[in-house]
Amino acid sequence: SYTDLTTVGPAVTVTTGPRALVLFTAAMTNTTADEVSLTSVEVAGATSISASDAWALHMRGPVSPQTQGAGSFRLFTTLNAGSNTFRMKYRVGGSTGNFVNREIAVLAL
């Protein structure tokens, strides 16, 4: 399951209607070769949506430790209007994942 790191976030709180475009990026490593590190986005506040593999950034390196940077976006279309907080969350398969250069931006549509 997805969780916070010791340094939580990043997060952005935005007043939205039913739609928002979320852009997020991170550089990730895993201490074990061929294991996965993932980062996703959850929504809290007027809307509750858990972070999911369906829109996560995935890093699976053939050699440990190999840092890979990636960015993605997710169009949320079922938000409840109001104040919504979009926060990055993290998950690793095996060993220890490291996440740096984490950024998130949200555009209410």
PDB file of N, CA and C in Angstrom:
ATOM      1  N   SER A   1       0.835  -1.184   0.000  1.00  0.00           N
ATOM      2  CA  SER A   1       0.000   0.000   0.000  1.00  0.00           C
ATOM      3  C   SER A   1       0.884   1.253   0.000  1.00  0.00           C
ATOM      4  N   TYR A   2       0.347   2.340  -0.455  1.00  0.00           N
ATOM      5  CA  TYR A   2       1.072   3.604  -0.532  1.00  0.00           C
ATOM      6  C   TYR A   2       1.122   4.271   0.831  1.00  0.00           C
ATOM      7  N   THR A   3       2.218   4.976   1.092  1.00  0.00           N
ATOM      8  CA  THR A   3       2.415   5.622   2.382  1.00  0.00           C
ATOM      9  C   THR A   3       3.190   6.919   2.197  1.00  0.00           C
ATOM     10  N   ASP A   4       3.357   7.653   3.289  1.00  0.00           N
ATOM     11  CA  ASP A   4       4.182   8.855   3.291  1.00  0.00           C
ATOM     12  C   ASP A   4       5.636   8.479   3.535  1.00  0.00           C
ATOM     13  N   LEU A   5       6.542   9.336   3.113  1.00  0.00           N
ATOM     14  CA  LEU A   5       7.933   9.228   3.495  1.00  0.00           C
ATOM     15  C   LEU A   5       8.122   9.983   4.811  1.00  0.00           C
ATOM     16  N   THR A   6       9.307   9.919   5.373  1.00  0.00           N
ATOM     17  CA  THR A   6       9.595  10.694   6.585  1.00  0.00           C
ATOM     18  C   THR A   6       9.336  12.167   6.329  1.00  0.00           C
ATOM     19  N   THR A   7       9.718  12.641   5.156  1.00  0.00           N
ATOM     20  CA  THR A   7       9.385  14.001   4.729  1.00  0.00           C
ATOM     21  C   THR A   7       8.145  13.896   3.846  1.00  0.00           C
ATOM     22  N   VAL A   8       7.001  14.179   4.425  1.00  0.00           N
ATOM     23  CA  VAL A   8       5.699  13.999   3.775  1.00  0.00           C
ATOM     24  C   VAL A   8       5.566  14.902   2.561  1.00  0.00           C
ATOM     25  N   GLY A   9       4.834  14.402   1.575  1.00  0.00           N
ATOM     26  CA  GLY A   9       4.485  15.236   0.438  1.00  0.00           C
ATOM     27  C   GLY A   9       5.397  15.040  -0.736  1.00  0.00           C
ATOM     28  N   PRO A  10       5.439  15.976  -1.581  1.00  0.00           N
ATOM     29  CA  PRO A  10       4.786  17.278  -1.552  1.00  0.00           C
ATOM     30  C   PRO A  10       3.279  17.187  -1.758  1.00  0.00           C
ATOM     31  N   ALA A  11       2.612  18.298  -1.441  1.00  0.00           N
ATOM     32  CA  ALA A  11       1.157  18.358  -1.563  1.00  0.00           C
ATOM     33  C   ALA A  11       0.742  19.755  -2.012  1.00  0.00           C
ATOM     34  N   VAL A  12      -0.420  19.817  -2.672  1.00  0.00           N
ATOM     35  CA  VAL A  12      -1.001  21.080  -3.109  1.00  0.00           C
ATOM     36  C   VAL A  12      -2.487  21.041  -2.775  1.00  0.00           C
ATOM     37  N   THR A  13      -2.984  22.122  -2.173  1.00  0.00           N
ATOM     38  CA  THR A  13      -4.418  22.236  -1.894  1.00  0.00           C
ATOM     39  C   THR A  13      -5.006  23.257  -2.858  1.00  0.00           C
ATOM     40  N   VAL A  14      -6.070  22.834  -3.558  1.00  0.00           N
ATOM     41  CA  VAL A  14      -6.681  23.649  -4.597  1.00  0.00           C
ATOM     42  C   VAL A  14      -8.201  23.550  -4.470  1.00  0.00           C
ATOM     43  N   THR A  15      -8.885  24.654  -4.709  1.00  0.00           N
ATOM     44  CA  THR A  15     -10.342  24.613  -4.811  1.00  0.00           C
ATOM     45  C   THR A  15     -10.667  24.190  -6.241  1.00  0.00           C
ATOM     46  N   THR A  16     -11.379  23.067  -6.365  1.00  0.00           N
ATOM     47  CA  THR A  16     -11.666  22.509  -7.686  1.00  0.00           C
ATOM     48  C   THR A  16     -13.162  22.340  -7.899  1.00  0.00           C
ATOM     49  N   GLY A  17     -13.500  22.139  -9.142  1.00  0.00           N
ATOM     50  CA  GLY A  17     -14.796  21.607  -9.532  1.00  0.00           C
ATOM     51  C   GLY A  17     -14.603  20.108  -9.662  1.00  0.00           C
ATOM     52  N   PRO A  18     -15.292  19.473 -10.601  1.00  0.00           N
ATOM     53  CA  PRO A  18     -15.182  18.020 -10.738  1.00  0.00           C
ATOM     54  C   PRO A  18     -13.908  17.534 -11.434  1.00  0.00           C
ATOM     55  N   ARG A  19     -13.116  18.462 -12.023  1.00  0.00           N
ATOM     56  CA  ARG A  19     -11.946  18.025 -12.788  1.00  0.00           C
ATOM     57  C   ARG A  19     -10.695  18.800 -12.378  1.00  0.00           C
ATOM     58  N   ALA A  20      -9.574  18.083 -12.359  1.00  0.00           N
ATOM     59  CA  ALA A  20      -8.276  18.719 -12.127  1.00  0.00           C
ATOM     60  C   ALA A  20      -7.202  17.879 -12.813  1.00  0.00           C
ATOM     61  N   LEU A  21      -6.204  18.569 -13.351  1.00  0.00           N
ATOM     62  CA  LEU A  21      -5.066  17.919 -13.982  1.00  0.00           C
ATOM     63  C   LEU A  21      -3.891  17.998 -13.013  1.00  0.00           C
ATOM     64  N   VAL A  22      -3.331  16.835 -12.674  1.00  0.00           N
ATOM     65  CA  VAL A  22      -2.225  16.755 -11.730  1.00  0.00           C
ATOM     66  C   VAL A  22      -0.974  16.319 -12.486  1.00  0.00           C
ATOM     67  N   LEU A  23       0.095  17.095 -12.346  1.00  0.00           N
ATOM     68  CA  LEU A  23       1.397  16.762 -12.920  1.00  0.00           C
ATOM     69  C   LEU A  23       2.334  16.464 -11.769  1.00  0.00           C
ATOM     70  N   PHE A  24       3.085  15.360 -11.859  1.00  0.00           N
ATOM     71  CA  PHE A  24       3.998  15.021 -10.775  1.00  0.00           C
ATOM     72  C   PHE A  24       5.248  14.350 -11.306  1.00  0.00           C
ATOM     73  N   THR A  25       6.338  14.512 -10.567  1.00  0.00           N
ATOM     74  CA  THR A  25       7.632  14.006 -10.998  1.00  0.00           C
ATOM     75  C   THR A  25       8.463  13.598  -9.795  1.00  0.00           C
ATOM     76  N   ALA A  26       9.367  12.648 -10.004  1.00  0.00           N
ATOM     77  CA  ALA A  26      10.298  12.218  -8.962  1.00  0.00           C
ATOM     78  C   ALA A  26      11.447  11.455  -9.601  1.00  0.00           C
ATOM     79  N   ALA A  27      12.568  11.423  -8.904  1.00  0.00           N
ATOM     80  CA  ALA A  27      13.672  10.533  -9.265  1.00  0.00           C
ATOM     81  C   ALA A  27      13.681   9.441  -8.199  1.00  0.00           C
ATOM     82  N   MET A  28      13.783   8.173  -8.633  1.00  0.00           N
ATOM     83  CA  MET A  28      13.603   7.051  -7.716  1.00  0.00           C
ATOM     84  C   MET A  28      14.721   6.028  -7.869  1.00  0.00           C
ATOM     85  N   THR A  29      15.059   5.361  -6.771  1.00  0.00           N
ATOM     86  CA  THR A  29      15.982   4.232  -6.782  1.00  0.00           C
ATOM     87  C   THR A  29      15.410   3.151  -5.877  1.00  0.00           C
ATOM     88  N   ASN A  30      15.984   1.972  -5.959  1.00  0.00           N
ATOM     89  CA  ASN A  30      15.682   0.881  -5.044  1.00  0.00           C
ATOM     90  C   ASN A  30      17.000   0.206  -4.711  1.00  0.00           C
ATOM     91  N   THR A  31      17.185  -0.208  -3.461  1.00  0.00           N
ATOM     92  CA  THR A  31      18.464  -0.782  -3.047  1.00  0.00           C
ATOM     93  C   THR A  31      18.677  -2.203  -3.547  1.00  0.00           C
ATOM     94  N   THR A  32      17.669  -2.793  -4.172  1.00  0.00           N
ATOM     95  CA  THR A  32      17.787  -4.143  -4.717  1.00  0.00           C
ATOM     96  C   THR A  32      17.548  -4.115  -6.224  1.00  0.00           C
ATOM     97  N   ALA A  33      18.438  -4.762  -6.965  1.00  0.00           N
ATOM     98  CA  ALA A  33      18.283  -4.822  -8.420  1.00  0.00           C
ATOM     99  C   ALA A  33      16.963  -5.496  -8.781  1.00  0.00           C
ATOM    100  N   ASP A  34      16.324  -4.988  -9.820  1.00  0.00           N
ATOM    101  CA  ASP A  34      15.080  -5.520 -10.377  1.00  0.00           C
ATOM    102  C   ASP A  34      13.897  -5.464  -9.410  1.00  0.00           C
ATOM    103  N   GLU A  35      13.958  -4.562  -8.435  1.00  0.00           N
ATOM    104  CA  GLU A  35      12.797  -4.302  -7.573  1.00  0.00           C
ATOM    105  C   GLU A  35      12.196  -2.963  -7.956  1.00  0.00           C
ATOM    106  N   VAL A  36      10.948  -2.759  -7.618  1.00  0.00           N
ATOM    107  CA  VAL A  36      10.211  -1.593  -8.082  1.00  0.00           C
ATOM    108  C   VAL A  36      10.055  -0.551  -6.968  1.00  0.00           C
ATOM    109  N   SER A  37      10.116   0.721  -7.369  1.00  0.00           N
ATOM    110  CA  SER A  37       9.741   1.854  -6.526  1.00  0.00           C
ATOM    111  C   SER A  37       8.676   2.626  -7.293  1.00  0.00           C
ATOM    112  N   LEU A  38       7.639   3.069  -6.589  1.00  0.00           N
ATOM    113  CA  LEU A  38       6.524   3.748  -7.241  1.00  0.00           C
ATOM    114  C   LEU A  38       6.136   4.998  -6.468  1.00  0.00           C
ATOM    115  N   THR A  39       5.659   6.001  -7.181  1.00  0.00           N
ATOM    116  CA  THR A  39       5.044   7.162  -6.559  1.00  0.00           C
ATOM    117  C   THR A  39       3.727   7.453  -7.272  1.00  0.00           C
ATOM    118  N   SER A  40       2.721   7.799  -6.487  1.00  0.00           N
ATOM    119  CA  SER A  40       1.392   8.060  -7.016  1.00  0.00           C
ATOM    120  C   SER A  40       0.829   9.286  -6.305  1.00  0.00           C
ATOM    121  N   VAL A  41      -0.432   9.586  -6.554  1.00  0.00           N
ATOM    122  CA  VAL A  41      -1.078  10.756  -5.967  1.00  0.00           C
ATOM    123  C   VAL A  41      -2.392  10.335  -5.325  1.00  0.00           C
ATOM    124  N   GLU A  42      -2.646  10.849  -4.112  1.00  0.00           N
ATOM    125  CA  GLU A  42      -3.940  10.672  -3.460  1.00  0.00           C
ATOM    126  C   GLU A  42      -4.640  12.015  -3.392  1.00  0.00           C
ATOM    127  N   VAL A  43      -5.958  11.972  -3.231  1.00  0.00           N
ATOM    128  CA  VAL A  43      -6.757  13.181  -3.070  1.00  0.00           C
ATOM    129  C   VAL A  43      -7.484  13.083  -1.740  1.00  0.00           C
ATOM    130  N   ALA A  44      -7.443  14.156  -0.954  1.00  0.00           N
ATOM    131  CA  ALA A  44      -8.147  14.215   0.333  1.00  0.00           C
ATOM    132  C   ALA A  44      -8.834  15.571   0.442  1.00  0.00           C
ATOM    133  N   GLY A  45      -9.807  15.657   1.305  1.00  0.00           N
ATOM    134  CA  GLY A  45     -10.557  16.896   1.497  1.00  0.00           C
ATOM    135  C   GLY A  45     -11.991  16.673   1.077  1.00  0.00           C
ATOM    136  N   ALA A  46     -12.462  17.477   0.119  1.00  0.00           N
ATOM    137  CA  ALA A  46     -13.831  17.308  -0.374  1.00  0.00           C
ATOM    138  C   ALA A  46     -13.997  15.961  -1.074  1.00  0.00           C
ATOM    139  N   THR A  47     -12.881  15.410  -1.556  1.00  0.00           N
ATOM    140  CA  THR A  47     -12.870  14.135  -2.269  1.00  0.00           C
ATOM    141  C   THR A  47     -11.878  13.205  -1.601  1.00  0.00           C
ATOM    142  N   SER A  48     -12.158  11.908  -1.620  1.00  0.00           N
ATOM    143  CA  SER A  48     -11.219  10.921  -1.089  1.00  0.00           C
ATOM    144  C   SER A  48     -10.923   9.884  -2.170  1.00  0.00           C
ATOM    145  N   ILE A  49      -9.695   9.949  -2.715  1.00  0.00           N
ATOM    146  CA  ILE A  49      -9.237   8.983  -3.713  1.00  0.00           C
ATOM    147  C   ILE A  49      -7.860   8.515  -3.282  1.00  0.00           C
ATOM    148  N   SER A  50      -7.696   7.218  -3.112  1.00  0.00           N
ATOM    149  CA  SER A  50      -6.412   6.660  -2.693  1.00  0.00           C
ATOM    150  C   SER A  50      -5.418   6.658  -3.847  1.00  0.00           C
ATOM    151  N   ALA A  51      -4.130   6.751  -3.494  1.00  0.00           N
ATOM    152  CA  ALA A  51      -3.068   6.595  -4.493  1.00  0.00           C
ATOM    153  C   ALA A  51      -3.201   5.208  -5.115  1.00  0.00           C
ATOM    154  N   SER A  52      -2.855   5.101  -6.398  1.00  0.00           N
ATOM    155  CA  SER A  52      -3.071   3.853  -7.119  1.00  0.00           C
ATOM    156  C   SER A  52      -1.940   3.562  -8.102  1.00  0.00           C
ATOM    157  N   ASP A  53      -1.665   2.278  -8.304  1.00  0.00           N
ATOM    158  CA  ASP A  53      -0.708   1.865  -9.335  1.00  0.00           C
ATOM    159  C   ASP A  53      -1.183   2.280 -10.726  1.00  0.00           C
ATOM    160  N   ALA A  54      -2.492   2.468 -10.888  1.00  0.00           N
ATOM    161  CA  ALA A  54      -3.051   2.781 -12.204  1.00  0.00           C
ATOM    162  C   ALA A  54      -2.480   4.070 -12.787  1.00  0.00           C
ATOM    163  N   TRP A  55      -2.060   5.016 -11.942  1.00  0.00           N
ATOM    164  CA  TRP A  55      -1.477   6.267 -12.439  1.00  0.00           C
ATOM    165  C   TRP A  55      -0.133   6.570 -11.774  1.00  0.00           C
ATOM    166  N   ALA A  56       0.534   5.554 -11.297  1.00  0.00           N
ATOM    167  CA  ALA A  56       1.818   5.729 -10.613  1.00  0.00           C
ATOM    168  C   ALA A  56       2.988   5.827 -11.584  1.00  0.00           C
ATOM    169  N   LEU A  57       4.042   6.480 -11.122  1.00  0.00           N
ATOM    170  CA  LEU A  57       5.339   6.403 -11.789  1.00  0.00           C
ATOM    171  C   LEU A  57       6.008   5.136 -11.293  1.00  0.00           C
ATOM    172  N   HIS A  58       6.517   4.315 -12.218  1.00  0.00           N
ATOM    173  CA  HIS A  58       7.153   3.048 -11.870  1.00  0.00           C
ATOM    174  C   HIS A  58       8.636   3.120 -12.210  1.00  0.00           C
ATOM    175  N   MET A  59       9.495   2.654 -11.308  1.00  0.00           N
ATOM    176  CA  MET A  59      10.917   2.530 -11.583  1.00  0.00           C
ATOM    177  C   MET A  59      11.338   1.110 -11.234  1.00  0.00           C
ATOM    178  N   ARG A  60      11.839   0.401 -12.225  1.00  0.00           N
ATOM    179  CA  ARG A  60      12.388  -0.933 -11.984  1.00  0.00           C
ATOM    180  C   ARG A  60      13.759  -0.956 -12.655  1.00  0.00           C
ATOM    181  N   GLY A  61      14.795  -0.914 -11.833  1.00  0.00           N
ATOM    182  CA  GLY A  61      16.145  -0.843 -12.375  1.00  0.00           C
ATOM    183  C   GLY A  61      16.785  -2.210 -12.517  1.00  0.00           C
ATOM    184  N   PRO A  62      17.526  -2.416 -13.595  1.00  0.00           N
ATOM    185  CA  PRO A  62      18.212  -3.688 -13.783  1.00  0.00           C
ATOM    186  C   PRO A  62      19.436  -3.833 -12.885  1.00  0.00           C
ATOM    187  N   VAL A  63      19.993  -2.714 -12.438  1.00  0.00           N
ATOM    188  CA  VAL A  63      21.177  -2.739 -11.580  1.00  0.00           C
ATOM    189  C   VAL A  63      20.945  -1.789 -10.424  1.00  0.00           C
ATOM    190  N   SER A  64      21.278  -2.198  -9.225  1.00  0.00           N
ATOM    191  CA  SER A  64      21.079  -1.354  -8.047  1.00  0.00           C
ATOM    192  C   SER A  64      22.376  -0.653  -7.696  1.00  0.00           C
ATOM    193  N   PRO A  65      22.387   0.570  -7.226  1.00  0.00           N
ATOM    194  CA  PRO A  65      21.247   1.498  -7.325  1.00  0.00           C
ATOM    195  C   PRO A  65      21.310   2.298  -8.611  1.00  0.00           C
ATOM    196  N   GLN A  66      20.250   2.335  -9.313  1.00  0.00           N
ATOM    197  CA  GLN A  66      20.147   3.098 -10.551  1.00  0.00           C
ATOM    198  C   GLN A  66      19.025   4.106 -10.379  1.00  0.00           C
ATOM    199  N   THR A  67      19.355   5.388 -10.388  1.00  0.00           N
ATOM    200  CA  THR A  67      18.351   6.431 -10.226  1.00  0.00           C
ATOM    201  C   THR A  67      17.708   6.723 -11.568  1.00  0.00           C
ATOM    202  N   GLN A  68      16.385   6.776 -11.564  1.00  0.00           N
ATOM    203  CA  GLN A  68      15.640   7.114 -12.767  1.00  0.00           C
ATOM    204  C   GLN A  68      14.656   8.218 -12.439  1.00  0.00           C
ATOM    205  N   GLY A  69      14.656   9.244 -13.259  1.00  0.00           N
ATOM    206  CA  GLY A  69      13.697  10.328 -13.098  1.00  0.00           C
ATOM    207  C   GLY A  69      12.548  10.141 -14.071  1.00  0.00           C
ATOM    208  N   ALA A  70      11.363  10.516 -13.637  1.00  0.00           N
ATOM    209  CA  ALA A  70      10.190  10.377 -14.497  1.00  0.00           C
ATOM    210  C   ALA A  70       9.146  11.407 -14.096  1.00  0.00           C
ATOM    211  N   GLY A  71       8.277  11.708 -15.022  1.00  0.00           N
ATOM    212  CA  GLY A  71       7.165  12.603 -14.749  1.00  0.00           C
ATOM    213  C   GLY A  71       5.922  12.069 -15.439  1.00  0.00           C
ATOM    214  N   SER A  72       4.775  12.420 -14.898  1.00  0.00           N
ATOM    215  CA  SER A  72       3.525  11.958 -15.476  1.00  0.00           C
ATOM    216  C   SER A  72       2.415  12.944 -15.136  1.00  0.00           C
ATOM    217  N   PHE A  73       1.227  12.647 -15.613  1.00  0.00           N
ATOM    218  CA  PHE A  73       0.063  13.443 -15.270  1.00  0.00           C
ATOM    219  C   PHE A  73      -1.126  12.522 -15.076  1.00  0.00           C
ATOM    220  N   ARG A  74      -2.129  13.024 -14.356  1.00  0.00           N
ATOM    221  CA  ARG A  74      -3.374  12.291 -14.152  1.00  0.00           C
ATOM    222  C   ARG A  74      -4.513  13.295 -14.206  1.00  0.00           C
ATOM    223  N   LEU A  75      -5.497  13.032 -15.049  1.00  0.00           N
ATOM    224  CA  LEU A  75      -6.696  13.853 -15.108  1.00  0.00           C
ATOM    225  C   LEU A  75      -7.742  13.212 -14.201  1.00  0.00           C
ATOM    226  N   PHE A  76      -8.036  13.866 -13.092  1.00  0.00           N
ATOM    227  CA  PHE A  76      -9.094  13.402 -12.192  1.00  0.00           C
ATOM    228  C   PHE A  76     -10.399  14.039 -12.660  1.00  0.00           C
ATOM    229  N   THR A  77     -11.424  13.225 -12.883  1.00  0.00           N
ATOM    230  CA  THR A  77     -12.688  13.726 -13.443  1.00  0.00           C
ATOM    231  C   THR A  77     -13.891  13.482 -12.544  1.00  0.00           C
ATOM    232  N   THR A  78     -13.667  12.932 -11.361  1.00  0.00           N
ATOM    233  CA  THR A  78     -14.792  12.621 -10.464  1.00  0.00           C
ATOM    234  C   THR A  78     -14.608  13.278  -9.099  1.00  0.00           C
ATOM    235  N   LEU A  79     -14.049  14.484  -9.080  1.00  0.00           N
ATOM    236  CA  LEU A  79     -13.825  15.188  -7.826  1.00  0.00           C
ATOM    237  C   LEU A  79     -15.108  15.821  -7.320  1.00  0.00           C
ATOM    238  N   ASN A  80     -15.219  15.933  -6.008  1.00  0.00           N
ATOM    239  CA  ASN A  80     -16.286  16.727  -5.404  1.00  0.00           C
ATOM    240  C   ASN A  80     -15.799  18.165  -5.371  1.00  0.00           C
ATOM    241  N   ALA A  81     -16.663  19.089  -5.741  1.00  0.00           N
ATOM    242  CA  ALA A  81     -16.281  20.500  -5.737  1.00  0.00           C
ATOM    243  C   ALA A  81     -15.919  20.937  -4.322  1.00  0.00           C
ATOM    244  N   GLY A  82     -14.873  21.742  -4.229  1.00  0.00           N
ATOM    245  CA  GLY A  82     -14.439  22.247  -2.936  1.00  0.00           C
ATOM    246  C   GLY A  82     -12.935  22.182  -2.806  1.00  0.00           C
ATOM    247  N   SER A  83     -12.469  22.227  -1.574  1.00  0.00           N
ATOM    248  CA  SER A  83     -11.037  22.217  -1.293  1.00  0.00           C
ATOM    249  C   SER A  83     -10.509  20.784  -1.315  1.00  0.00           C
ATOM    250  N   ASN A  84      -9.620  20.501  -2.241  1.00  0.00           N
ATOM    251  CA  ASN A  84      -9.028  19.170  -2.375  1.00  0.00           C
ATOM    252  C   ASN A  84      -7.509  19.270  -2.255  1.00  0.00           C
ATOM    253  N   THR A  85      -6.924  18.358  -1.490  1.00  0.00           N
ATOM    254  CA  THR A  85      -5.480  18.293  -1.330  1.00  0.00           C
ATOM    255  C   THR A  85      -4.957  17.097  -2.105  1.00  0.00           C
ATOM    256  N   PHE A  86      -4.003  17.360  -2.985  1.00  0.00           N
ATOM    257  CA  PHE A  86      -3.374  16.342  -3.820  1.00  0.00           C
ATOM    258  C   PHE A  86      -1.980  16.107  -3.248  1.00  0.00           C
ATOM    259  N   ARG A  87      -1.699  14.878  -2.794  1.00  0.00           N
ATOM    260  CA  ARG A  87      -0.435  14.566  -2.130  1.00  0.00           C
ATOM    261  C   ARG A  87       0.221  13.359  -2.780  1.00  0.00           C
ATOM    262  N   MET A  88       1.525  13.452  -2.975  1.00  0.00           N
ATOM    263  CA  MET A  88       2.278  12.319  -3.496  1.00  0.00           C
ATOM    264  C   MET A  88       2.459  11.284  -2.393  1.00  0.00           C
ATOM    265  N   LYS A  89       2.318  10.005  -2.771  1.00  0.00           N
ATOM    266  CA  LYS A  89       2.490   8.868  -1.866  1.00  0.00           C
ATOM    267  C   LYS A  89       3.455   7.879  -2.511  1.00  0.00           C
ATOM    268  N   TYR A  90       3.985   6.926  -1.722  1.00  0.00           N
ATOM    269  CA  TYR A  90       5.097   6.101  -2.175  1.00  0.00           C
ATOM    270  C   TYR A  90       4.907   4.643  -1.795  1.00  0.00           C
ATOM    271  N   ARG A  91       5.472   3.763  -2.639  1.00  0.00           N
ATOM    272  CA  ARG A  91       5.404   2.323  -2.382  1.00  0.00           C
ATOM    273  C   ARG A  91       6.643   1.672  -2.987  1.00  0.00           C
ATOM    274  N   VAL A  92       7.160   0.645  -2.315  1.00  0.00           N
ATOM    275  CA  VAL A  92       8.289  -0.120  -2.845  1.00  0.00           C
ATOM    276  C   VAL A  92       7.964  -1.604  -2.801  1.00  0.00           C
ATOM    277  N   GLY A  93       8.508  -2.340  -3.762  1.00  0.00           N
ATOM    278  CA  GLY A  93       8.426  -3.791  -3.764  1.00  0.00           C
ATOM    279  C   GLY A  93       9.802  -4.308  -3.381  1.00  0.00           C
ATOM    280  N   GLY A  94       9.938  -4.900  -2.221  1.00  0.00           N
ATOM    281  CA  GLY A  94      11.240  -5.374  -1.770  1.00  0.00           C
ATOM    282  C   GLY A  94      12.094  -4.235  -1.278  1.00  0.00           C
ATOM    283  N   SER A  95      13.098  -4.529  -0.520  1.00  0.00           N
ATOM    284  CA  SER A  95      14.134  -3.618  -0.031  1.00  0.00           C
ATOM    285  C   SER A  95      13.673  -2.199   0.268  1.00  0.00           C
ATOM    286  N   THR A  96      14.525  -1.219  -0.069  1.00  0.00           N
ATOM    287  CA  THR A  96      14.300   0.171   0.290  1.00  0.00           C
ATOM    288  C   THR A  96      14.295   1.040  -0.947  1.00  0.00           C
ATOM    289  N   GLY A  97      13.289   1.874  -1.079  1.00  0.00           N
ATOM    290  CA  GLY A  97      13.225   2.829  -2.173  1.00  0.00           C
ATOM    291  C   GLY A  97      13.678   4.193  -1.699  1.00  0.00           C
ATOM    292  N   ASN A  98      14.230   4.960  -2.606  1.00  0.00           N
ATOM    293  CA  ASN A  98      14.621   6.342  -2.327  1.00  0.00           C
ATOM    294  C   ASN A  98      13.953   7.237  -3.358  1.00  0.00           C
ATOM    295  N   PHE A  99      13.447   8.374  -2.898  1.00  0.00           N
ATOM    296  CA  PHE A  99      12.689   9.284  -3.751  1.00  0.00           C
ATOM    297  C   PHE A  99      13.222  10.700  -3.545  1.00  0.00           C
ATOM    298  N   VAL A 100      13.662  11.347  -4.624  1.00  0.00           N
ATOM    299  CA  VAL A 100      14.188  12.711  -4.541  1.00  0.00           C
ATOM    300  C   VAL A 100      13.589  13.546  -5.670  1.00  0.00           C
ATOM    301  N   ASN A 101      13.826  14.849  -5.585  1.00  0.00           N
ATOM    302  CA  ASN A 101      13.338  15.784  -6.620  1.00  0.00           C
ATOM    303  C   ASN A 101      11.850  15.599  -6.877  1.00  0.00           C
ATOM    304  N   ARG A 102      11.090  15.513  -5.793  1.00  0.00           N
ATOM    305  CA  ARG A 102       9.647  15.279  -5.877  1.00  0.00           C
ATOM    306  C   ARG A 102       8.920  16.601  -6.074  1.00  0.00           C
ATOM    307  N   GLU A 103       8.061  16.661  -7.085  1.00  0.00           N
ATOM    308  CA  GLU A 103       7.294  17.868  -7.361  1.00  0.00           C
ATOM    309  C   GLU A 103       5.894  17.512  -7.830  1.00  0.00           C
ATOM    310  N   ILE A 104       4.945  18.391  -7.496  1.00  0.00           N
ATOM    311  CA  ILE A 104       3.568  18.194  -7.915  1.00  0.00           C
ATOM    312  C   ILE A 104       2.967  19.552  -8.259  1.00  0.00           C
ATOM    313  N   ALA A 105       2.134  19.580  -9.282  1.00  0.00           N
ATOM    314  CA  ALA A 105       1.401  20.783  -9.666  1.00  0.00           C
ATOM    315  C   ALA A 105      -0.019  20.366 -10.008  1.00  0.00           C
ATOM    316  N   VAL A 106      -0.985  21.234  -9.689  1.00  0.00           N
ATOM    317  CA  VAL A 106      -2.395  20.910  -9.928  1.00  0.00           C
ATOM    318  C   VAL A 106      -3.050  22.085 -10.644  1.00  0.00           C
ATOM    319  N   LEU A 107      -3.769  21.761 -11.704  1.00  0.00           N
ATOM    320  CA  LEU A 107      -4.542  22.764 -12.447  1.00  0.00           C
ATOM    321  C   LEU A 107      -6.012  22.407 -12.329  1.00  0.00           C
ATOM    322  N   ALA A 108      -6.779  23.258 -11.660  1.00  0.00           N
ATOM    323  CA  ALA A 108      -8.222  23.050 -11.578  1.00  0.00           C
ATOM    324  C   ALA A 108      -8.820  23.394 -12.937  1.00  0.00           C
ATOM    325  N   LEU A 109      -9.679  22.523 -13.449  1.00  0.00           N
ATOM    326  CA  LEU A 109     -10.284  22.746 -14.778  1.00  0.00           C
ATOM    327  C   LEU A 109     -11.763  23.049 -14.656  1.00  0.00           C
TER     328      LEU A 109
END
